[in-house]
Amino acid sequence: MEKVLLNVKDVSEYLGIGETKTRELLRNPTNGFTIRIGNRLYAHKGKLDIWLKNQIL
């Protein structure tokens, strides 16, 4: 079963970037894919994929 929410480590591995840069990306309030649960940051994988496609175009 594929994860819907990715934590910082998962996003870092998925994008091939460091965890510090991943946290910086997830803290950006305008990205549209960040979900905060308590103090933890997660990325919604579907919305992250859409965001990535838009960044490439």
C-alpha atoms as a PDB file:
ATOM      1  CA  MET A   1       0.000   0.000   0.000  1.00  0.00           C
ATOM      2  CA  GLU A   2       1.373   3.374  -1.020  1.00  0.00           C
ATOM      3  CA  LYS A   3       1.637   6.140   1.587  1.00  0.00           C
ATOM      4  CA  VAL A   4      -0.570   9.186   1.105  1.00  0.00           C
ATOM      5  CA  LEU A   5       1.313  11.365   3.594  1.00  0.00           C
ATOM      6  CA  LEU A   6       5.099  11.523   3.471  1.00  0.00           C
ATOM      7  CA  ASN A   7       7.206  12.653   6.417  1.00  0.00           C
ATOM      8  CA  VAL A   8      10.358  14.774   6.072  1.00  0.00           C
ATOM      9  CA  LYS A   9      12.630  11.765   5.580  1.00  0.00           C
ATOM     10  CA  ASP A  10      10.320  10.243   2.950  1.00  0.00           C
ATOM     11  CA  VAL A  11      10.059  13.521   1.000  1.00  0.00           C
ATOM     12  CA  SER A  12      13.816  13.976   1.199  1.00  0.00           C
ATOM     13  CA  GLU A  13      14.414  10.533  -0.295  1.00  0.00           C
ATOM     14  CA  TYR A  14      11.622  10.966  -2.862  1.00  0.00           C
ATOM     15  CA  LEU A  15      13.013  14.283  -4.148  1.00  0.00           C
ATOM     16  CA  GLY A  16      16.689  13.456  -3.667  1.00  0.00           C
ATOM     17  CA  ILE A  17      17.376  16.507  -1.508  1.00  0.00           C
ATOM     18  CA  GLY A  18      18.596  16.956   2.056  1.00  0.00           C
ATOM     19  CA  GLU A  19      16.325  16.981   5.087  1.00  0.00           C
ATOM     20  CA  THR A  20      17.126  20.620   5.896  1.00  0.00           C
ATOM     21  CA  LYS A  21      16.051  21.753   2.420  1.00  0.00           C
ATOM     22  CA  THR A  22      12.987  19.499   2.677  1.00  0.00           C
ATOM     23  CA  ARG A  23      11.918  21.155   5.946  1.00  0.00           C
ATOM     24  CA  GLU A  24      12.440  24.561   4.350  1.00  0.00           C
ATOM     25  CA  LEU A  25      10.227  23.514   1.429  1.00  0.00           C
ATOM     26  CA  LEU A  26       7.523  22.103   3.719  1.00  0.00           C
ATOM     27  CA  ARG A  27       7.469  25.270   5.851  1.00  0.00           C
ATOM     28  CA  ASN A  28       6.565  27.371   2.801  1.00  0.00           C
ATOM     29  CA  PRO A  29       2.864  28.196   3.350  1.00  0.00           C
ATOM     30  CA  THR A  30       2.128  28.675  -0.367  1.00  0.00           C
ATOM     31  CA  ASN A  31       3.212  25.253  -1.653  1.00  0.00           C
ATOM     32  CA  GLY A  32      -0.228  23.636  -1.294  1.00  0.00           C
ATOM     33  CA  PHE A  33       0.959  20.149  -0.316  1.00  0.00           C
ATOM     34  CA  THR A  34       2.102  20.598   3.283  1.00  0.00           C
ATOM     35  CA  ILE A  35      -0.025  19.176   6.072  1.00  0.00           C
ATOM     36  CA  ARG A  36       0.849  20.010   9.662  1.00  0.00           C
ATOM     37  CA  ILE A  37      -0.220  17.602  12.386  1.00  0.00           C
ATOM     38  CA  GLY A  38       0.850  19.048  15.703  1.00  0.00           C
ATOM     39  CA  ASN A  39       4.457  20.115  15.200  1.00  0.00           C
ATOM     40  CA  ARG A  40       5.101  17.545  12.487  1.00  0.00           C
ATOM     41  CA  LEU A  41       5.234  18.352   8.802  1.00  0.00           C
ATOM     42  CA  TYR A  42       3.945  16.000   6.128  1.00  0.00           C
ATOM     43  CA  ALA A  43       3.501  16.253   2.378  1.00  0.00           C
ATOM     44  CA  HIS A  44       0.399  14.976   0.601  1.00  0.00           C
ATOM     45  CA  LYS A  45       1.978  12.817  -2.119  1.00  0.00           C
ATOM     46  CA  GLY A  46      -0.663  13.487  -4.781  1.00  0.00           C
ATOM     47  CA  LYS A  47      -0.462  17.259  -4.313  1.00  0.00           C
ATOM     48  CA  LEU A  48       3.345  17.080  -4.173  1.00  0.00           C
ATOM     49  CA  ASP A  49       3.388  15.291  -7.540  1.00  0.00           C
ATOM     50  CA  ILE A  50       1.120  17.960  -9.064  1.00  0.00           C
ATOM     51  CA  TRP A  51       3.342  20.703  -7.628  1.00  0.00           C
ATOM     52  CA  LEU A  52       6.423  19.015  -9.112  1.00  0.00           C
ATOM     53  CA  LYS A  53       4.811  18.827 -12.560  1.00  0.00           C
ATOM     54  CA  ASN A  54       3.978  22.544 -12.371  1.00  0.00           C
ATOM     55  CA  GLN A  55       7.568  23.375 -11.381  1.00  0.00           C
ATOM     56  CA  ILE A  56       8.929  21.533 -14.412  1.00  0.00           C
ATOM     57  CA  LEU A  57       6.665  23.314 -16.913  1.00  0.00           C
END
